[in-house]
C-alpha atoms as a PDB file:
ATOM      1  CA  UNK A   1       9.532   6.826  -9.137  1.00  0.00           C
ATOM      2  CA  UNK A   2       7.030   7.453 -11.794  1.00  0.00           C
ATOM      3  CA  UNK A   3       9.097   7.857 -14.870  1.00  0.00           C
ATOM      4  CA  UNK A   4       7.020   6.346 -17.606  1.00  0.00           C
ATOM      5  CA  UNK A   5       6.853   7.734 -21.076  1.00  0.00           C
ATOM      6  CA  UNK A   6       3.189   8.559 -21.747  1.00  0.00           C
ATOM      7  CA  UNK A   7       1.473   7.900 -25.050  1.00  0.00           C
ATOM      8  CA  UNK A   8       0.797  10.944 -27.090  1.00  0.00           C
ATOM      9  CA  UNK A   9      -2.823  10.627 -26.587  1.00  0.00           C
ATOM     10  CA  UNK A  10      -2.660  10.302 -22.701  1.00  0.00           C
ATOM     11  CA  UNK A  11      -5.353  12.858 -21.299  1.00  0.00           C
ATOM     12  CA  UNK A  12      -4.363  15.670 -19.156  1.00  0.00           C
ATOM     13  CA  UNK A  13      -6.105  14.216 -16.042  1.00  0.00           C
ATOM     14  CA  UNK A  14      -4.000  11.088 -16.135  1.00  0.00           C
ATOM     15  CA  UNK A  15      -0.763  13.166 -16.749  1.00  0.00           C
ATOM     16  CA  UNK A  16      -1.682  15.415 -13.810  1.00  0.00           C
ATOM     17  CA  UNK A  17      -2.247  12.171 -11.735  1.00  0.00           C
ATOM     18  CA  UNK A  18       1.222  10.999 -12.605  1.00  0.00           C
ATOM     19  CA  UNK A  19       2.709  14.340 -11.593  1.00  0.00           C
ATOM     20  CA  UNK A  20       0.863  14.160  -8.357  1.00  0.00           C
ATOM     21  CA  UNK A  21       2.119  10.736  -7.542  1.00  0.00           C
ATOM     22  CA  UNK A  22       5.622  11.759  -8.227  1.00  0.00           C
ATOM     23  CA  UNK A  23       5.231  14.613  -5.863  1.00  0.00           C
ATOM     24  CA  UNK A  24       4.309  12.334  -3.015  1.00  0.00           C
ATOM     25  CA  UNK A  25       6.509  12.700   0.136  1.00  0.00           C
ATOM     26  CA  UNK A  26       7.297   9.212   1.574  1.00  0.00           C
ATOM     27  CA  UNK A  27       9.063   7.868   4.635  1.00  0.00           C
ATOM     28  CA  UNK A  28      12.735   6.918   4.077  1.00  0.00           C
ATOM     29  CA  UNK A  29      11.930   3.284   4.824  1.00  0.00           C
ATOM     30  CA  UNK A  30       9.786   3.000   1.745  1.00  0.00           C
ATOM     31  CA  UNK A  31      11.434   1.825  -1.532  1.00  0.00           C
ATOM     32  CA  UNK A  32       9.105   2.588  -4.295  1.00  0.00           C
ATOM     33  CA  UNK A  33       9.515   1.388  -7.871  1.00  0.00           C
ATOM     34  CA  UNK A  34       7.314   1.379 -10.957  1.00  0.00           C
ATOM     35  CA  UNK A  35       6.100  -1.907 -12.158  1.00  0.00           C
ATOM     36  CA  UNK A  36       4.167  -3.107 -15.347  1.00  0.00           C
ATOM     37  CA  UNK A  37       0.641  -1.915 -15.203  1.00  0.00           C
ATOM     38  CA  UNK A  38      -2.536  -3.871 -16.112  1.00  0.00           C
ATOM     39  CA  UNK A  39      -3.415  -3.049 -19.595  1.00  0.00           C
ATOM     40  CA  UNK A  40      -7.071  -4.442 -19.895  1.00  0.00           C
ATOM     41  CA  UNK A  41      -8.747  -3.045 -16.800  1.00  0.00           C
ATOM     42  CA  UNK A  42      -8.723   0.548 -17.827  1.00  0.00           C
ATOM     43  CA  UNK A  43      -7.443   2.590 -20.839  1.00  0.00           C
ATOM     44  CA  UNK A  44      -4.742   4.236 -18.593  1.00  0.00           C
ATOM     45  CA  UNK A  45      -2.905   2.961 -15.534  1.00  0.00           C
ATOM     46  CA  UNK A  46       0.245   3.131 -13.452  1.00  0.00           C
ATOM     47  CA  UNK A  47       1.516   0.546 -10.951  1.00  0.00           C
ATOM     48  CA  UNK A  48       3.890   0.965  -8.211  1.00  0.00           C
ATOM     49  CA  UNK A  49       5.426  -1.547  -5.950  1.00  0.00           C
ATOM     50  CA  UNK A  50       6.845  -0.716  -2.570  1.00  0.00           C
ATOM     51  CA  UNK A  51       8.775  -2.444   0.126  1.00  0.00           C
ATOM     52  CA  UNK A  52       9.321  -1.117   3.793  1.00  0.00           C
ATOM     53  CA  UNK A  53      12.971  -1.810   4.432  1.00  0.00           C
ATOM     54  CA  UNK A  54      14.726  -1.725   7.736  1.00  0.00           C
ATOM     55  CA  UNK A  55      18.303  -0.580   7.139  1.00  0.00           C
ATOM     56  CA  UNK A  56      19.346  -0.123  10.795  1.00  0.00           C
ATOM     57  CA  UNK A  57      21.017  -3.381  11.194  1.00  0.00           C
ATOM     58  CA  UNK A  58      24.748  -3.986  10.473  1.00  0.00           C
ATOM     59  CA  UNK A  59      23.951  -6.524   7.849  1.00  0.00           C
ATOM     60  CA  UNK A  60      21.639  -6.752   4.899  1.00  0.00           C
ATOM     61  CA  UNK A  61      18.414  -4.609   4.882  1.00  0.00           C
ATOM     62  CA  UNK A  62      15.426  -6.457   6.150  1.00  0.00           C
ATOM     63  CA  UNK A  63      12.147  -6.268   4.215  1.00  0.00           C
ATOM     64  CA  UNK A  64       9.281  -5.720   6.687  1.00  0.00           C
ATOM     65  CA  UNK A  65       6.385  -5.375   4.255  1.00  0.00           C
ATOM     66  CA  UNK A  66       5.546  -5.220   0.591  1.00  0.00           C
ATOM     67  CA  UNK A  67       2.778  -4.145  -1.573  1.00  0.00           C
ATOM     68  CA  UNK A  68       1.439  -2.853  -4.926  1.00  0.00           C
ATOM     69  CA  UNK A  69      -0.518   0.330  -5.730  1.00  0.00           C
ATOM     70  CA  UNK A  70      -2.215   0.658  -9.044  1.00  0.00           C
ATOM     71  CA  UNK A  71      -4.082   3.757 -10.203  1.00  0.00           C
ATOM     72  CA  UNK A  72      -6.488   3.206 -12.956  1.00  0.00           C
ATOM     73  CA  UNK A  73      -8.056   5.937 -15.141  1.00  0.00           C
ATOM     74  CA  UNK A  74     -10.983   5.597 -17.339  1.00  0.00           C
ATOM     75  CA  UNK A  75     -12.599   8.844 -18.716  1.00  0.00           C
ATOM     76  CA  UNK A  76     -15.897   6.903 -19.231  1.00  0.00           C
ATOM     77  CA  UNK A  77     -16.329   6.746 -15.450  1.00  0.00           C
ATOM     78  CA  UNK A  78     -17.416   3.088 -14.914  1.00  0.00           C
ATOM     79  CA  UNK A  79     -20.444   2.699 -12.942  1.00  0.00           C
ATOM     80  CA  UNK A  80     -18.950   0.476 -10.153  1.00  0.00           C
ATOM     81  CA  UNK A  81     -16.204   3.169  -9.728  1.00  0.00           C
ATOM     82  CA  UNK A  82     -18.434   6.177  -9.601  1.00  0.00           C
ATOM     83  CA  UNK A  83     -15.516   8.279 -10.826  1.00  0.00           C
ATOM     84  CA  UNK A  84     -12.755   8.316 -13.482  1.00  0.00           C
ATOM     85  CA  UNK A  85      -9.923   7.147 -11.133  1.00  0.00           C
ATOM     86  CA  UNK A  86      -9.663   3.881  -9.077  1.00  0.00           C
ATOM     87  CA  UNK A  87      -6.984   3.052  -6.629  1.00  0.00           C
ATOM     88  CA  UNK A  88      -6.398  -0.777  -6.354  1.00  0.00           C
ATOM     89  CA  UNK A  89      -3.925  -1.835  -3.730  1.00  0.00           C
ATOM     90  CA  UNK A  90      -2.357  -4.854  -1.921  1.00  0.00           C
ATOM     91  CA  UNK A  91      -0.220  -4.827   1.192  1.00  0.00           C
ATOM     92  CA  UNK A  92       1.409  -7.986   2.857  1.00  0.00           C
ATOM     93  CA  UNK A  93       3.645  -8.409   6.084  1.00  0.00           C
ATOM     94  CA  UNK A  94       4.561 -10.972   8.537  1.00  0.00           C
ATOM     95  CA  UNK A  95       3.071 -10.469  12.041  1.00  0.00           C
ATOM     96  CA  UNK A  96       3.871 -11.919  15.500  1.00  0.00           C
ATOM     97  CA  UNK A  97       2.464 -15.596  15.722  1.00  0.00           C
ATOM     98  CA  UNK A  98       0.138 -14.772  18.656  1.00  0.00           C
ATOM     99  CA  UNK A  99      -1.869 -12.330  16.405  1.00  0.00           C
ATOM    100  CA  UNK A 100      -3.004 -15.242  14.215  1.00  0.00           C
ATOM    101  CA  UNK A 101      -5.717 -16.164  16.577  1.00  0.00           C
ATOM    102  CA  UNK A 102      -6.963 -12.546  17.302  1.00  0.00           C
ATOM    103  CA  UNK A 103     -10.660 -12.541  16.114  1.00  0.00           C
ATOM    104  CA  UNK A 104     -10.384  -8.708  15.590  1.00  0.00           C
ATOM    105  CA  UNK A 105      -7.323  -8.788  13.240  1.00  0.00           C
ATOM    106  CA  UNK A 106      -9.498  -8.367  10.117  1.00  0.00           C
ATOM    107  CA  UNK A 107     -11.364  -5.397  11.479  1.00  0.00           C
ATOM    108  CA  UNK A 108      -8.178  -3.779  12.822  1.00  0.00           C
ATOM    109  CA  UNK A 109      -6.396  -4.313   9.434  1.00  0.00           C
ATOM    110  CA  UNK A 110      -9.278  -2.696   7.670  1.00  0.00           C
ATOM    111  CA  UNK A 111      -9.392   0.191  10.064  1.00  0.00           C
ATOM    112  CA  UNK A 112      -5.600   0.819   9.463  1.00  0.00           C
ATOM    113  CA  UNK A 113      -6.460   1.667   5.820  1.00  0.00           C
ATOM    114  CA  UNK A 114      -9.451   3.844   6.519  1.00  0.00           C
ATOM    115  CA  UNK A 115      -7.385   5.761   9.213  1.00  0.00           C
ATOM    116  CA  UNK A 116      -4.499   6.212   6.869  1.00  0.00           C
ATOM    117  CA  UNK A 117      -6.714   7.680   4.144  1.00  0.00           C
ATOM    118  CA  UNK A 118      -8.416   9.925   6.766  1.00  0.00           C
ATOM    119  CA  UNK A 119      -5.167  11.105   8.364  1.00  0.00           C
ATOM    120  CA  UNK A 120      -3.849  12.219   4.949  1.00  0.00           C
ATOM    121  CA  UNK A 121      -7.110  13.948   4.015  1.00  0.00           C
ATOM    122  CA  UNK A 122      -7.522  11.592   1.074  1.00  0.00           C
ATOM    123  CA  UNK A 123     -11.207  11.928   0.245  1.00  0.00           C
ATOM    124  CA  UNK A 124     -12.610   8.524  -1.122  1.00  0.00           C
ATOM    125  CA  UNK A 125     -15.752   6.682  -1.772  1.00  0.00           C
ATOM    126  CA  UNK A 126     -16.897   3.141  -2.888  1.00  0.00           C
ATOM    127  CA  UNK A 127     -14.222   1.498  -0.775  1.00  0.00           C
ATOM    128  CA  UNK A 128     -13.969  -2.195  -0.632  1.00  0.00           C
ATOM    129  CA  UNK A 129     -11.611  -4.931   0.136  1.00  0.00           C
ATOM    130  CA  UNK A 130     -10.461  -7.999   2.202  1.00  0.00           C
ATOM    131  CA  UNK A 131      -8.058  -8.645   5.033  1.00  0.00           C
ATOM    132  CA  UNK A 132      -6.631 -12.135   5.036  1.00  0.00           C
ATOM    133  CA  UNK A 133      -4.552 -13.818   7.674  1.00  0.00           C
ATOM    134  CA  UNK A 134      -2.387 -16.805   6.785  1.00  0.00           C
ATOM    135  CA  UNK A 135      -1.133 -19.087   9.614  1.00  0.00           C
ATOM    136  CA  UNK A 136       1.683 -21.370   8.818  1.00  0.00           C
ATOM    137  CA  UNK A 137       2.659 -24.259  11.002  1.00  0.00           C
ATOM    138  CA  UNK A 138       5.426 -26.791  10.167  1.00  0.00           C
ATOM    139  CA  UNK A 139       5.533 -30.504  10.880  1.00  0.00           C
ATOM    140  CA  UNK A 140       7.675 -33.610  10.582  1.00  0.00           C
ATOM    141  CA  UNK A 141      10.900 -32.780   8.666  1.00  0.00           C
ATOM    142  CA  UNK A 142      10.028 -29.055   8.850  1.00  0.00           C
ATOM    143  CA  UNK A 143       9.003 -29.127  12.580  1.00  0.00           C
ATOM    144  CA  UNK A 144      11.977 -26.936  13.506  1.00  0.00           C
ATOM    145  CA  UNK A 145      10.582 -23.928  11.356  1.00  0.00           C
ATOM    146  CA  UNK A 146       8.869 -21.368  13.606  1.00  0.00           C
ATOM    147  CA  UNK A 147       5.239 -20.823  13.057  1.00  0.00           C
ATOM    148  CA  UNK A 148       4.314 -17.737  11.128  1.00  0.00           C
ATOM    149  CA  UNK A 149       1.466 -15.354  10.587  1.00  0.00           C
ATOM    150  CA  UNK A 150       0.920 -13.178   7.548  1.00  0.00           C
ATOM    151  CA  UNK A 151      -1.500 -10.453   6.926  1.00  0.00           C
ATOM    152  CA  UNK A 152      -2.758  -9.465   3.382  1.00  0.00           C
ATOM    153  CA  UNK A 153      -4.855  -6.418   2.850  1.00  0.00           C
ATOM    154  CA  UNK A 154      -6.451  -5.982  -0.564  1.00  0.00           C
ATOM    155  CA  UNK A 155      -8.369  -2.788  -1.096  1.00  0.00           C
ATOM    156  CA  UNK A 156      -9.768  -0.537  -3.707  1.00  0.00           C
ATOM    157  CA  UNK A 157     -11.458   2.919  -3.616  1.00  0.00           C
ATOM    158  CA  UNK A 158     -12.398   5.860  -5.772  1.00  0.00           C
ATOM    159  CA  UNK A 159     -10.518   8.990  -4.967  1.00  0.00           C
ATOM    160  CA  UNK A 160     -12.844  11.999  -4.572  1.00  0.00           C
ATOM    161  CA  UNK A 161     -10.367  14.695  -4.993  1.00  0.00           C
ATOM    162  CA  UNK A 162      -7.360  15.409  -7.330  1.00  0.00           C
ATOM    163  CA  UNK A 163      -4.832  15.129  -4.458  1.00  0.00           C
ATOM    164  CA  UNK A 164      -3.635  11.660  -5.602  1.00  0.00           C
ATOM    165  CA  UNK A 165      -0.344  12.107  -3.796  1.00  0.00           C
ATOM    166  CA  UNK A 166      -2.329  11.945  -0.552  1.00  0.00           C
ATOM    167  CA  UNK A 167      -3.828   8.538  -1.586  1.00  0.00           C
ATOM    168  CA  UNK A 168      -0.350   7.122  -2.338  1.00  0.00           C
ATOM    169  CA  UNK A 169       1.045   8.572   0.930  1.00  0.00           C
ATOM    170  CA  UNK A 170      -1.839   7.008   2.813  1.00  0.00           C
ATOM    171  CA  UNK A 171      -1.162   3.621   1.252  1.00  0.00           C
ATOM    172  CA  UNK A 172       2.434   3.794   2.183  1.00  0.00           C
ATOM    173  CA  UNK A 173       1.337   4.740   5.736  1.00  0.00           C
ATOM    174  CA  UNK A 174      -0.728   1.562   5.725  1.00  0.00           C
ATOM    175  CA  UNK A 175       2.330  -0.431   4.502  1.00  0.00           C
ATOM    176  CA  UNK A 176       4.422   1.066   7.425  1.00  0.00           C
ATOM    177  CA  UNK A 177       1.703   0.224   9.913  1.00  0.00           C
ATOM    178  CA  UNK A 178       1.527  -3.489   8.937  1.00  0.00           C
ATOM    179  CA  UNK A 179       5.301  -3.554   9.046  1.00  0.00           C
ATOM    180  CA  UNK A 180       5.168  -2.502  12.658  1.00  0.00           C
ATOM    181  CA  UNK A 181       6.755   0.962  12.312  1.00  0.00           C
ATOM    182  CA  UNK A 182       5.304   3.641  14.692  1.00  0.00           C
ATOM    183  CA  UNK A 183       3.443   6.524  12.947  1.00  0.00           C
ATOM    184  CA  UNK A 184       5.521   9.808  12.457  1.00  0.00           C
ATOM    185  CA  UNK A 185       4.092  13.297  12.857  1.00  0.00           C
ATOM    186  CA  UNK A 186       4.956  15.531   9.996  1.00  0.00           C
ATOM    187  CA  UNK A 187       8.572  16.834  10.186  1.00  0.00           C
ATOM    188  CA  UNK A 188       9.761  14.147  12.737  1.00  0.00           C
ATOM    189  CA  UNK A 189      12.432  11.372  11.846  1.00  0.00           C
ATOM    190  CA  UNK A 190      12.263   8.055  13.397  1.00  0.00           C
ATOM    191  CA  UNK A 191      15.035   7.036  15.603  1.00  0.00           C
ATOM    192  CA  UNK A 192      16.617   3.500  15.288  1.00  0.00           C
ATOM    193  CA  UNK A 193      14.642   0.916  17.301  1.00  0.00           C
ATOM    194  CA  UNK A 194      14.302  -2.809  17.644  1.00  0.00           C
ATOM    195  CA  UNK A 195      11.644  -4.385  15.452  1.00  0.00           C
ATOM    196  CA  UNK A 196       8.479  -5.569  17.347  1.00  0.00           C
END
């Protein structure tokens, strides 16, 4: 997962953060890969992309949700962060069309993030973000395409602890939630089931 070669001057807290991210235990539906990280936002950063993949069918695996997790490290502790680390995340998934008109979708989407962080014991502060719904309807020559609803959750927060694996795991829990997968208690494996 996190396999990057660190510069010789990478500070120990950032190296420890990478080790912590590498130790995170994730659900088997998560496909996590390292991606190019932003170079101008903070002196040190790592970016990971993840897809929630349903491999239960006989054909090709189906992508249920996708997202990006970026961990920034700035030893100067920028004032808006109120800390040296900042998690910046993005999650996107298709939803059932009837959810597009639900006035509480934004609040519910945001609560999924906070619940995931709390359930993993990932202490945080200075959280902020947006929940966006995109409703697509097709007309004329494209009228045979079904309507679609997509949810996007963009969020950032400052970890208050060194357990950065818990923050990554919480984010992947959010990814699984928007994908429609049921939560799994620790030590339990999901049985194949039909998608929502």
